[in-house]
C-alpha atoms as a PDB file:
ATOM      1  CA  MET A   1       6.478  12.701   7.141  1.00  0.00           C
ATOM      2  CA  GLU A   2       5.146  12.476   3.574  1.00  0.00           C
ATOM      3  CA  SER A   3       6.052  13.793   0.161  1.00  0.00           C
ATOM      4  CA  ALA A   4       4.185  16.940  -0.782  1.00  0.00           C
ATOM      5  CA  GLY A   5       0.820  16.261  -2.277  1.00  0.00           C
ATOM      6  CA  THR A   6       0.552  12.616  -1.247  1.00  0.00           C
ATOM      7  CA  ALA A   7      -0.901  12.846   2.256  1.00  0.00           C
ATOM      8  CA  SER A   8      -4.540  13.298   1.300  1.00  0.00           C
ATOM      9  CA  ALA A   9      -4.275  10.491  -1.232  1.00  0.00           C
ATOM     10  CA  THR A  10      -2.841   7.968   1.187  1.00  0.00           C
ATOM     11  CA  ARG A  11      -3.672   8.668   4.814  1.00  0.00           C
ATOM     12  CA  ALA A  12      -5.630   5.901   6.474  1.00  0.00           C
ATOM     13  CA  ILE A  13      -7.259   5.943   9.873  1.00  0.00           C
ATOM     14  CA  THR A  14      -5.562   3.543  12.273  1.00  0.00           C
ATOM     15  CA  PRO A  15      -7.027   3.510  15.795  1.00  0.00           C
ATOM     16  CA  PRO A  16      -4.432   4.209  18.502  1.00  0.00           C
ATOM     17  CA  ASP A  17      -3.786   1.951  21.448  1.00  0.00           C
ATOM     18  CA  ASP A  18      -5.824   3.812  24.039  1.00  0.00           C
ATOM     19  CA  ALA A  19      -6.934   2.498  27.421  1.00  0.00           C
ATOM     20  CA  ALA A  20     -10.194   1.170  25.989  1.00  0.00           C
ATOM     21  CA  ALA A  21      -8.335  -0.848  23.351  1.00  0.00           C
ATOM     22  CA  ILE A  22      -5.987  -2.409  25.900  1.00  0.00           C
ATOM     23  CA  ASP A  23      -8.966  -3.230  28.106  1.00  0.00           C
ATOM     24  CA  LEU A  24     -10.527  -5.061  25.149  1.00  0.00           C
ATOM     25  CA  VAL A  25      -7.289  -6.999  24.677  1.00  0.00           C
ATOM     26  CA  ARG A  26      -7.204  -8.067  28.329  1.00  0.00           C
ATOM     27  CA  ARG A  27     -10.825  -9.172  28.155  1.00  0.00           C
ATOM     28  CA  ALA A  28     -10.125 -11.104  24.947  1.00  0.00           C
ATOM     29  CA  GLN A  29      -7.203 -12.810  26.672  1.00  0.00           C
ATOM     30  CA  ALA A  30      -9.602 -13.805  29.426  1.00  0.00           C
ATOM     31  CA  GLY A  31     -11.730 -15.595  26.846  1.00  0.00           C
ATOM     32  CA  GLU A  32     -14.343 -12.953  26.044  1.00  0.00           C
ATOM     33  CA  LEU A  33     -15.102 -13.469  22.352  1.00  0.00           C
ATOM     34  CA  THR A  34     -17.180 -10.288  22.146  1.00  0.00           C
ATOM     35  CA  ALA A  35     -14.132  -8.258  23.157  1.00  0.00           C
ATOM     36  CA  PHE A  36     -12.033  -9.818  20.401  1.00  0.00           C
ATOM     37  CA  ASN A  37     -14.796  -9.216  17.860  1.00  0.00           C
ATOM     38  CA  THR A  38     -14.801  -5.557  18.893  1.00  0.00           C
ATOM     39  CA  LEU A  39     -11.041  -5.437  18.277  1.00  0.00           C
ATOM     40  CA  VAL A  40     -11.638  -6.895  14.827  1.00  0.00           C
ATOM     41  CA  LEU A  41     -14.218  -4.219  14.043  1.00  0.00           C
ATOM     42  CA  ARG A  42     -11.856  -1.562  15.369  1.00  0.00           C
ATOM     43  CA  HIS A  43      -8.893  -2.598  13.222  1.00  0.00           C
ATOM     44  CA  GLN A  44     -10.258  -4.469  10.219  1.00  0.00           C
ATOM     45  CA  ASP A  45     -10.316  -1.504   7.833  1.00  0.00           C
ATOM     46  CA  ALA A  46      -6.720  -0.561   8.618  1.00  0.00           C
ATOM     47  CA  ILE A  47      -5.552  -4.169   8.297  1.00  0.00           C
ATOM     48  CA  TYR A  48      -7.359  -4.589   4.990  1.00  0.00           C
ATOM     49  CA  SER A  49      -5.972  -1.280   3.710  1.00  0.00           C
ATOM     50  CA  LEU A  50      -2.414  -2.302   4.584  1.00  0.00           C
ATOM     51  CA  ALA A  51      -2.790  -5.698   2.942  1.00  0.00           C
ATOM     52  CA  LEU A  52      -4.375  -4.188  -0.164  1.00  0.00           C
ATOM     53  CA  ARG A  53      -1.691  -1.575  -0.647  1.00  0.00           C
ATOM     54  CA  PHE A  54       1.040  -4.131  -0.087  1.00  0.00           C
ATOM     55  CA  LEU A  55      -0.421  -6.851  -2.311  1.00  0.00           C
ATOM     56  CA  GLY A  56      -2.217  -4.702  -4.876  1.00  0.00           C
ATOM     57  CA  ASN A  57      -5.226  -6.981  -5.322  1.00  0.00           C
ATOM     58  CA  ARG A  58      -8.483  -7.384  -3.455  1.00  0.00           C
ATOM     59  CA  GLU A  59      -8.675 -11.161  -3.236  1.00  0.00           C
ATOM     60  CA  GLY A  60      -5.242 -11.474  -1.684  1.00  0.00           C
ATOM     61  CA  ALA A  61      -5.954  -8.616   0.718  1.00  0.00           C
ATOM     62  CA  GLU A  62      -9.193 -10.226   1.872  1.00  0.00           C
ATOM     63  CA  ASP A  63      -7.427 -13.550   2.436  1.00  0.00           C
ATOM     64  CA  ALA A  64      -4.574 -11.861   4.285  1.00  0.00           C
ATOM     65  CA  THR A  65      -6.953  -9.892   6.493  1.00  0.00           C
ATOM     66  CA  GLN A  66      -8.913 -12.985   7.444  1.00  0.00           C
ATOM     67  CA  GLU A  67      -5.770 -15.012   8.117  1.00  0.00           C
ATOM     68  CA  ALA A  68      -4.242 -12.184  10.170  1.00  0.00           C
ATOM     69  CA  PHE A  69      -7.203 -12.092  12.547  1.00  0.00           C
ATOM     70  CA  ILE A  70      -7.281 -15.884  12.793  1.00  0.00           C
ATOM     71  CA  ARG A  71      -3.618 -15.845  13.814  1.00  0.00           C
ATOM     72  CA  ALA A  72      -4.202 -12.948  16.186  1.00  0.00           C
ATOM     73  CA  TYR A  73      -6.995 -14.837  17.918  1.00  0.00           C
ATOM     74  CA  SER A  74      -4.912 -17.973  18.246  1.00  0.00           C
ATOM     75  CA  LYS A  75      -1.971 -15.995  19.656  1.00  0.00           C
ATOM     76  CA  ILE A  76      -3.818 -13.422  21.758  1.00  0.00           C
ATOM     77  CA  ASP A  77      -2.533 -14.961  24.989  1.00  0.00           C
ATOM     78  CA  SER A  78       1.046 -14.277  23.899  1.00  0.00           C
ATOM     79  CA  PHE A  79       0.498 -10.514  23.615  1.00  0.00           C
ATOM     80  CA  THR A  80       2.126  -8.426  26.321  1.00  0.00           C
ATOM     81  CA  GLY A  81       2.639  -4.709  26.741  1.00  0.00           C
ATOM     82  CA  ASP A  82       0.509  -1.874  25.397  1.00  0.00           C
ATOM     83  CA  ARG A  83       1.211  -1.762  21.653  1.00  0.00           C
ATOM     84  CA  PHE A  84      -1.507  -3.984  20.308  1.00  0.00           C
ATOM     85  CA  ARG A  85      -1.774  -2.352  16.890  1.00  0.00           C
ATOM     86  CA  SER A  86       1.970  -2.839  16.316  1.00  0.00           C
ATOM     87  CA  TRP A  87       1.570  -6.480  17.310  1.00  0.00           C
ATOM     88  CA  LEU A  88      -1.364  -6.804  14.928  1.00  0.00           C
ATOM     89  CA  PHE A  89       0.545  -5.133  12.106  1.00  0.00           C
ATOM     90  CA  THR A  90       3.410  -7.559  12.698  1.00  0.00           C
ATOM     91  CA  ILE A  91       1.016 -10.418  12.057  1.00  0.00           C
ATOM     92  CA  VAL A  92      -0.546  -8.931   8.928  1.00  0.00           C
ATOM     93  CA  SER A  93       2.894  -7.964   7.589  1.00  0.00           C
ATOM     94  CA  ASN A  94       4.006 -11.584   7.815  1.00  0.00           C
ATOM     95  CA  VAL A  95       0.745 -12.853   6.363  1.00  0.00           C
ATOM     96  CA  ALA A  96       0.933 -10.367   3.477  1.00  0.00           C
ATOM     97  CA  ARG A  97       4.437 -11.493   2.620  1.00  0.00           C
ATOM     98  CA  ASP A  98       3.239 -15.093   2.579  1.00  0.00           C
ATOM     99  CA  GLU A  99       0.303 -14.099   0.399  1.00  0.00           C
ATOM    100  CA  LEU A 100       2.587 -12.220  -1.981  1.00  0.00           C
ATOM    101  CA  ARG A 101       4.316 -15.501  -2.749  1.00  0.00           C
ATOM    102  CA  LYS A 102       0.970 -17.108  -3.616  1.00  0.00           C
ATOM    103  CA  GLN A 103      -0.777 -14.399  -5.601  1.00  0.00           C
ATOM    104  CA  GLN A 104       0.984 -15.152  -8.890  1.00  0.00           C
ATOM    105  CA  ARG A 105      -1.109 -18.300  -9.102  1.00  0.00           C
ATOM    106  CA  ARG A 106      -4.390 -16.394  -8.836  1.00  0.00           C
ATOM    107  CA  PRO A 107      -6.363 -14.002 -11.056  1.00  0.00           C
ATOM    108  CA  GLN A 108      -5.719 -10.558  -9.643  1.00  0.00           C
ATOM    109  CA  ARG A 109      -7.900  -7.531  -9.184  1.00  0.00           C
ATOM    110  CA  SER A 110      -6.089  -4.223  -9.099  1.00  0.00           C
ATOM    111  CA  LEU A 111      -6.277  -1.724  -6.254  1.00  0.00           C
ATOM    112  CA  ASP A 112      -7.911   0.799  -8.568  1.00  0.00           C
ATOM    113  CA  GLU A 113     -10.692  -1.692  -9.336  1.00  0.00           C
ATOM    114  CA  ALA A 114     -11.096  -2.421  -5.624  1.00  0.00           C
ATOM    115  CA  ARG A 115     -11.507   1.285  -4.916  1.00  0.00           C
ATOM    116  CA  ASP A 116     -14.547   1.315  -7.202  1.00  0.00           C
ATOM    117  CA  ASP A 117     -16.214  -1.276  -4.981  1.00  0.00           C
ATOM    118  CA  PRO A 118     -19.051   0.415  -3.045  1.00  0.00           C
ATOM    119  CA  ASP A 119     -18.426  -2.040  -0.203  1.00  0.00           C
ATOM    120  CA  ARG A 120     -14.931  -0.569   0.392  1.00  0.00           C
ATOM    121  CA  PRO A 121     -15.498   3.188   0.849  1.00  0.00           C
ATOM    122  CA  ASP A 122     -12.825   3.217   3.572  1.00  0.00           C
ATOM    123  CA  LEU A 123     -10.107   3.013   0.933  1.00  0.00           C
ATOM    124  CA  ASP A 124     -10.860   6.499  -0.352  1.00  0.00           C
ATOM    125  CA  PRO A 125     -10.115   9.762   1.462  1.00  0.00           C
ATOM    126  CA  PRO A 126     -13.124  11.407   3.113  1.00  0.00           C
ATOM    127  CA  ASP A 127     -15.380  13.261   0.679  1.00  0.00           C
ATOM    128  CA  ARG A 128     -15.426  16.961   1.463  1.00  0.00           C
ATOM    129  CA  GLY A 129     -17.189  18.043  -1.702  1.00  0.00           C
ATOM    130  CA  PRO A 130     -14.247  18.580  -4.094  1.00  0.00           C
ATOM    131  CA  THR A 131     -14.691  20.263  -7.447  1.00  0.00           C
ATOM    132  CA  PRO A 132     -14.558  18.038 -10.548  1.00  0.00           C
ATOM    133  CA  GLU A 133     -11.083  19.415 -11.315  1.00  0.00           C
ATOM    134  CA  SER A 134      -9.725  18.713  -7.845  1.00  0.00           C
ATOM    135  CA  GLU A 135     -11.365  15.276  -7.866  1.00  0.00           C
ATOM    136  CA  ALA A 136      -9.602  14.467 -11.147  1.00  0.00           C
ATOM    137  CA  MET A 137      -6.292  15.689  -9.728  1.00  0.00           C
ATOM    138  CA  ARG A 138      -6.740  13.572  -6.619  1.00  0.00           C
ATOM    139  CA  SER A 139      -7.675  10.512  -8.666  1.00  0.00           C
ATOM    140  CA  ASP A 140      -4.664  10.922 -10.953  1.00  0.00           C
ATOM    141  CA  LEU A 141      -2.307  11.394  -8.026  1.00  0.00           C
ATOM    142  CA  ARG A 142      -3.797   8.440  -6.163  1.00  0.00           C
ATOM    143  CA  GLN A 143      -3.390   6.152  -9.158  1.00  0.00           C
ATOM    144  CA  ALA A 144       0.163   7.352  -9.744  1.00  0.00           C
ATOM    145  CA  LEU A 145       1.021   6.860  -6.080  1.00  0.00           C
ATOM    146  CA  GLU A 146      -0.443   3.345  -5.945  1.00  0.00           C
ATOM    147  CA  ALA A 147       1.496   2.442  -9.101  1.00  0.00           C
ATOM    148  CA  ALA A 148       4.665   3.910  -7.584  1.00  0.00           C
ATOM    149  CA  LEU A 149       4.167   1.929  -4.374  1.00  0.00           C
ATOM    150  CA  ARG A 150       4.054  -1.278  -6.405  1.00  0.00           C
ATOM    151  CA  GLU A 151       7.442  -0.374  -7.894  1.00  0.00           C
ATOM    152  CA  LEU A 152       9.138  -0.273  -4.487  1.00  0.00           C
ATOM    153  CA  PRO A 153      11.039  -3.241  -3.066  1.00  0.00           C
ATOM    154  CA  GLU A 154       8.898  -5.301  -0.713  1.00  0.00           C
ATOM    155  CA  ASP A 155      10.557  -4.107   2.513  1.00  0.00           C
ATOM    156  CA  TRP A 156      10.491  -0.461   1.476  1.00  0.00           C
ATOM    157  CA  ARG A 157       6.819  -0.687   0.499  1.00  0.00           C
ATOM    158  CA  MET A 158       5.796  -2.196   3.815  1.00  0.00           C
ATOM    159  CA  THR A 159       7.780   0.425   5.731  1.00  0.00           C
ATOM    160  CA  VAL A 160       6.372   3.435   3.919  1.00  0.00           C
ATOM    161  CA  VAL A 161       2.794   2.130   4.083  1.00  0.00           C
ATOM    162  CA  LEU A 162       3.062   1.555   7.833  1.00  0.00           C
ATOM    163  CA  ALA A 163       4.681   4.930   8.494  1.00  0.00           C
ATOM    164  CA  ASP A 164       3.119   7.289   5.978  1.00  0.00           C
ATOM    165  CA  VAL A 165      -0.272   5.694   5.329  1.00  0.00           C
ATOM    166  CA  HIS A 166      -1.072   4.352   8.808  1.00  0.00           C
ATOM    167  CA  GLY A 167       0.960   6.852  10.807  1.00  0.00           C
ATOM    168  CA  LEU A 168       2.975   4.417  12.926  1.00  0.00           C
ATOM    169  CA  SER A 169       6.011   5.749  14.750  1.00  0.00           C
ATOM    170  CA  TYR A 170       9.534   4.553  13.985  1.00  0.00           C
ATOM    171  CA  GLU A 171       9.352   2.343  17.061  1.00  0.00           C
ATOM    172  CA  GLU A 172       6.036   0.820  15.988  1.00  0.00           C
ATOM    173  CA  VAL A 173       7.249   0.207  12.438  1.00  0.00           C
ATOM    174  CA  ALA A 174      10.385  -1.436  13.809  1.00  0.00           C
ATOM    175  CA  GLN A 175       8.276  -3.704  16.007  1.00  0.00           C
ATOM    176  CA  SER A 176       5.891  -4.513  13.173  1.00  0.00           C
ATOM    177  CA  THR A 177       8.633  -5.383  10.678  1.00  0.00           C
ATOM    178  CA  GLY A 178      11.141  -6.928  13.061  1.00  0.00           C
ATOM    179  CA  VAL A 179      14.067  -4.653  12.211  1.00  0.00           C
ATOM    180  CA  ALA A 180      16.075  -1.991  14.010  1.00  0.00           C
ATOM    181  CA  ILE A 181      14.878   1.615  14.139  1.00  0.00           C
ATOM    182  CA  GLY A 182      17.920   2.669  12.124  1.00  0.00           C
ATOM    183  CA  THR A 183      16.888   0.258   9.378  1.00  0.00           C
ATOM    184  CA  VAL A 184      13.355   1.662   9.437  1.00  0.00           C
ATOM    185  CA  LYS A 185      14.673   5.210   9.006  1.00  0.00           C
ATOM    186  CA  SER A 186      16.953   4.153   6.171  1.00  0.00           C
ATOM    187  CA  ARG A 187      14.216   2.243   4.332  1.00  0.00           C
ATOM    188  CA  LEU A 188      11.739   5.062   4.834  1.00  0.00           C
ATOM    189  CA  SER A 189      14.148   7.675   3.512  1.00  0.00           C
ATOM    190  CA  ARG A 190      14.955   5.587   0.452  1.00  0.00           C
ATOM    191  CA  ALA A 191      11.302   4.718  -0.148  1.00  0.00           C
ATOM    192  CA  ARG A 192      10.176   8.341   0.053  1.00  0.00           C
ATOM    193  CA  GLY A 193      12.956   9.423  -2.266  1.00  0.00           C
ATOM    194  CA  ARG A 194      12.076   6.725  -4.767  1.00  0.00           C
ATOM    195  CA  LEU A 195       8.369   7.615  -4.579  1.00  0.00           C
ATOM    196  CA  ARG A 196       9.195  11.276  -5.262  1.00  0.00           C
ATOM    197  CA  ASP A 197      11.265  10.256  -8.271  1.00  0.00           C
ATOM    198  CA  LEU A 198       8.531   7.976  -9.612  1.00  0.00           C
ATOM    199  CA  LEU A 199       5.820  10.602  -9.113  1.00  0.00           C
ATOM    200  CA  ARG A 200       8.017  13.235 -10.743  1.00  0.00           C
ATOM    201  CA  ASP A 201       8.665  10.946 -13.684  1.00  0.00           C
ATOM    202  CA  SER A 202       4.914  10.376 -14.017  1.00  0.00           C
ATOM    203  CA  GLY A 203       4.367  14.141 -14.092  1.00  0.00           C
ATOM    204  CA  GLU A 204       2.193  14.218 -10.968  1.00  0.00           C
ATOM    205  CA  LEU A 205       4.484  16.269  -8.727  1.00  0.00           C
ATOM    206  CA  ASN A 206       5.192  18.709 -11.533  1.00  0.00           C
ATOM    207  CA  ASP A 207       1.695  18.881 -12.982  1.00  0.00           C
ATOM    208  CA  ALA A 208      -0.363  19.254  -9.816  1.00  0.00           C
ATOM    209  CA  PRO A 209       0.674  22.888  -9.034  1.00  0.00           C
ATOM    210  CA  ALA A 210       0.139  23.894 -12.657  1.00  0.00           C
ATOM    211  CA  ARG A 211      -3.308  22.342 -12.737  1.00  0.00           C
ATOM    212  CA  HIS A 212      -4.164  24.047  -9.485  1.00  0.00           C
ATOM    213  CA  GLY A 213      -3.001  27.361 -10.849  1.00  0.00           C
ATOM    214  CA  ASP A 214      -5.050  26.949 -13.974  1.00  0.00           C
ATOM    215  CA  GLY A 215      -8.140  26.917 -11.789  1.00  0.00           C
ATOM    216  CA  GLY A 216      -7.345  30.420 -10.534  1.00  0.00           C
ATOM    217  CA  ASP A 217      -6.698  29.390  -6.909  1.00  0.00           C
ATOM    218  CA  SER A 218      -3.698  30.531  -4.932  1.00  0.00           C
END
Protein backbone atom coordinates (compact mmCIF):
# COMPACT_ATOMS: atom_id res chain seq x y z
CA MET A 1 0.00 0.00 0.00
CA GLU A 2 2.96 2.35 0.54
CA SER A 3 5.60 4.04 -1.55
CA ALA A 4 8.87 2.14 -1.67
CA GLY A 5 11.11 2.90 1.23
CA THR A 6 8.52 4.60 3.43
CA ALA A 7 6.93 1.67 5.25
CA SER A 8 9.55 1.22 7.94
CA ALA A 9 9.62 4.96 8.57
CA THR A 10 5.89 5.30 9.05
CA ARG A 11 4.17 2.11 10.14
CA ALA A 12 2.43 2.39 13.48
CA ILE A 13 0.89 -0.38 15.52
CA THR A 14 -2.88 -0.05 15.71
CA PRO A 15 -4.63 -2.81 17.68
CA PRO A 16 -7.33 -4.60 15.66
CA ASP A 17 -10.91 -4.98 16.79
CA ASP A 18 -10.70 -8.51 18.14
CA ALA A 19 -13.22 -10.23 20.40
CA ALA A 20 -11.43 -9.05 23.53
CA ALA A 21 -11.61 -5.42 22.40
CA ILE A 22 -15.33 -5.62 21.66
CA ASP A 23 -15.89 -7.27 25.03
CA LEU A 24 -14.13 -4.30 26.66
CA VAL A 25 -16.40 -1.93 24.75
CA ARG A 26 -19.54 -3.74 25.91
CA ARG A 27 -18.32 -3.68 29.50
CA ALA A 28 -17.51 0.04 29.20
CA GLN A 29 -21.02 0.64 27.88
CA ALA A 30 -22.33 -1.14 30.95
CA GLY A 31 -20.53 1.40 33.12
CA GLU A 32 -17.29 -0.41 33.91
CA LEU A 33 -14.68 2.35 34.07
CA THR A 34 -11.80 -0.13 34.26
CA ALA A 35 -12.82 -1.54 30.89
CA PHE A 36 -12.78 1.91 29.30
CA ASN A 37 -9.39 2.66 30.86
CA THR A 38 -8.08 -0.55 29.30
CA LEU A 39 -9.37 0.64 25.92
CA VAL A 40 -7.52 3.91 26.45
CA LEU A 41 -4.29 2.06 27.20
CA ARG A 42 -4.85 -0.14 24.16
CA HIS A 43 -5.35 2.72 21.71
CA GLN A 44 -3.67 5.79 23.18
CA ASP A 45 -0.37 5.43 21.32
CA ALA A 46 -2.09 5.04 17.96
CA ILE A 47 -4.41 7.98 18.64
CA TYR A 48 -1.51 10.17 19.73
CA SER A 49 0.53 9.13 16.69
CA LEU A 50 -2.31 10.00 14.33
CA ALA A 51 -2.88 13.37 15.97
CA LEU A 52 0.84 14.17 15.97
CA ARG A 53 1.34 13.33 12.32
CA PHE A 54 -1.74 15.28 11.34
CA LEU A 55 -1.03 18.36 13.46
CA GLY A 56 2.77 18.29 13.44
CA ASN A 57 3.24 19.48 17.02
CA ARG A 58 3.28 17.72 20.36
CA GLU A 59 1.14 20.09 22.40
CA GLY A 60 -1.73 19.99 19.93
CA ALA A 61 -1.46 16.21 19.63
CA GLU A 62 -1.61 15.77 23.40
CA ASP A 63 -4.67 18.03 23.61
CA ALA A 64 -6.36 16.23 20.73
CA THR A 65 -5.66 12.82 22.25
CA GLN A 66 -7.10 13.82 25.60
CA GLU A 67 -10.16 15.42 24.04
CA ALA A 68 -10.74 12.41 21.77
CA PHE A 69 -10.92 10.02 24.73
CA ILE A 70 -13.14 12.41 26.68
CA ARG A 71 -15.55 12.49 23.74
CA ALA A 72 -15.31 8.73 23.30
CA TYR A 73 -16.22 8.18 26.94
CA SER A 74 -19.16 10.55 26.75
CA LYS A 75 -20.43 8.87 23.57
CA ILE A 76 -19.58 5.24 24.31
CA ASP A 77 -23.26 4.32 24.60
CA SER A 78 -23.82 5.41 21.01
CA PHE A 79 -21.30 2.93 19.60
CA THR A 80 -22.77 -0.02 17.74
CA GLY A 81 -21.25 -2.72 15.58
CA ASP A 82 -17.76 -4.18 15.76
CA ARG A 83 -15.46 -1.49 14.37
CA PHE A 84 -14.47 0.36 17.49
CA ARG A 85 -11.10 1.58 16.25
CA SER A 86 -12.74 3.15 13.18
CA TRP A 87 -15.24 4.84 15.48
CA LEU A 88 -12.40 6.07 17.66
CA PHE A 89 -10.44 7.33 14.67
CA THR A 90 -13.54 9.20 13.52
CA ILE A 91 -13.55 11.06 16.81
CA VAL A 92 -9.84 11.89 16.80
CA SER A 93 -10.01 12.93 13.14
CA ASN A 94 -12.69 15.48 13.99
CA VAL A 95 -10.85 16.63 17.09
CA ALA A 96 -7.58 17.00 15.16
CA ARG A 97 -9.27 19.15 12.54
CA ASP A 98 -10.66 21.36 15.30
CA GLU A 99 -7.23 21.55 16.89
CA LEU A 100 -5.64 22.45 13.56
CA ARG A 101 -7.74 25.60 13.52
CA LYS A 102 -6.44 26.55 16.98
CA GLN A 103 -2.76 25.71 16.76
CA GLN A 104 -1.75 28.91 14.97
CA ARG A 105 -2.35 30.73 18.24
CA ARG A 106 0.07 28.52 20.16
CA PRO A 107 3.85 28.00 20.25
CA GLN A 108 4.47 24.82 18.31
CA ARG A 109 6.86 21.96 18.80
CA SER A 110 7.77 20.05 15.67
CA LEU A 111 7.28 16.32 15.19
CA ASP A 112 11.03 15.86 14.90
CA GLU A 113 11.50 17.47 18.33
CA ALA A 114 8.74 15.28 19.76
CA ARG A 115 10.49 12.18 18.46
CA ASP A 116 13.52 13.08 20.58
CA ASP A 117 11.35 12.91 23.70
CA PRO A 118 12.30 9.78 25.68
CA ASP A 119 8.70 9.60 26.90
CA ARG A 120 7.44 8.97 23.33
CA PRO A 121 9.47 5.97 22.09
CA ASP A 122 6.35 4.64 20.33
CA LEU A 123 6.77 7.23 17.59
CA ASP A 124 9.93 5.59 16.29
CA PRO A 125 10.13 2.27 14.44
CA PRO A 126 11.32 -0.67 16.54
CA ASP A 127 15.09 -0.74 17.08
CA ARG A 128 16.61 -3.81 15.48
CA GLY A 129 20.22 -2.72 15.84
CA PRO A 130 20.76 -0.76 12.59
CA THR A 131 24.21 0.34 11.49
CA PRO A 132 25.05 4.05 11.84
CA GLU A 133 24.69 4.42 8.06
CA SER A 134 21.28 2.78 7.93
CA GLU A 135 20.17 4.76 10.98
CA ALA A 136 21.14 8.00 9.22
CA MET A 137 19.28 6.91 6.09
CA ARG A 138 16.19 6.08 8.11
CA SER A 139 16.35 9.38 9.99
CA ASP A 140 16.72 11.37 6.77
CA LEU A 141 13.86 9.53 5.11
CA ARG A 142 11.65 9.90 8.18
CA GLN A 143 12.26 13.64 8.34
CA ALA A 144 11.64 14.03 4.62
CA LEU A 145 8.44 11.99 4.85
CA GLU A 146 7.10 13.96 7.83
CA ALA A 147 7.86 17.21 5.98
CA ALA A 148 6.13 15.86 2.87
CA LEU A 149 3.06 14.85 4.89
CA ARG A 150 2.75 18.43 6.14
CA GLU A 151 2.66 19.61 2.52
CA LEU A 152 -0.42 17.54 1.70
CA PRO A 153 -3.94 18.98 1.80
CA GLU A 154 -5.68 18.26 5.08
CA ASP A 155 -8.02 15.57 3.73
CA TRP A 156 -5.26 13.80 1.82
CA ARG A 157 -2.98 13.82 4.87
CA MET A 158 -5.61 12.30 7.13
CA THR A 159 -6.42 9.62 4.55
CA VAL A 160 -2.85 8.53 3.93
CA VAL A 161 -1.99 8.50 7.65
CA LEU A 162 -5.01 6.33 8.44
CA ALA A 163 -4.37 3.94 5.56
CA ASP A 164 -0.60 3.74 5.25
CA VAL A 165 0.57 4.52 8.78
CA HIS A 166 -2.18 2.83 10.81
CA GLY A 167 -3.14 0.18 8.26
CA LEU A 168 -6.89 0.81 8.14
CA SER A 169 -8.84 -0.70 5.27
CA TYR A 170 -10.64 1.44 2.69
CA GLU A 171 -13.89 0.75 4.53
CA GLU A 172 -12.42 1.79 7.88
CA VAL A 173 -10.90 4.96 6.44
CA ALA A 174 -14.23 5.82 4.83
CA GLN A 175 -15.99 5.35 8.16
CA SER A 176 -13.36 7.35 10.02
CA THR A 177 -13.42 10.30 7.61
CA GLY A 178 -17.10 10.24 6.69
CA VAL A 179 -16.64 9.94 2.93
CA ALA A 180 -17.36 7.32 0.29
CA ILE A 181 -14.90 4.52 -0.41
CA GLY A 182 -14.37 5.89 -3.91
CA THR A 183 -13.32 9.21 -2.41
CA VAL A 184 -10.92 7.43 -0.07
CA LYS A 185 -9.29 5.61 -2.99
CA SER A 186 -9.00 8.82 -4.99
CA ARG A 187 -7.50 10.80 -2.10
CA LEU A 188 -5.12 7.98 -1.25
CA SER A 189 -3.91 7.66 -4.83
CA ARG A 190 -3.34 11.40 -5.11
CA ALA A 191 -1.68 11.59 -1.70
CA ARG A 192 0.72 8.74 -2.45
CA GLY A 193 1.59 10.25 -5.80
CA ARG A 194 2.24 13.63 -4.25
CA LEU A 195 4.35 12.07 -1.48
CA ARG A 196 6.45 10.24 -4.09
CA ASP A 197 6.98 13.50 -5.96
CA LEU A 198 7.93 15.38 -2.79
CA LEU A 199 10.32 12.64 -1.65
CA ARG A 200 11.86 12.48 -5.12
CA ASP A 201 12.31 16.23 -5.15
CA SER A 202 14.00 16.02 -1.74
CA GLY A 203 16.38 13.39 -3.11
CA GLU A 204 15.31 10.67 -0.68
CA LEU A 205 13.81 8.22 -3.18
CA ASN A 206 16.75 8.68 -5.52
CA ASP A 207 19.50 8.80 -2.91
CA ALA A 208 18.50 5.87 -0.70
CA PRO A 209 19.48 3.09 -3.19
CA ALA A 210 22.78 4.82 -3.94
CA ARG A 211 23.60 5.16 -0.27
CA HIS A 212 22.71 1.54 0.28
CA GLY A 213 24.93 0.50 -2.58
CA ASP A 214 27.82 2.50 -1.26
CA GLY A 215 27.76 0.31 1.83
CA GLY A 216 28.46 -2.77 -0.30
CA ASP A 217 25.09 -4.46 0.37
CA SER A 218 22.94 -5.95 -2.35
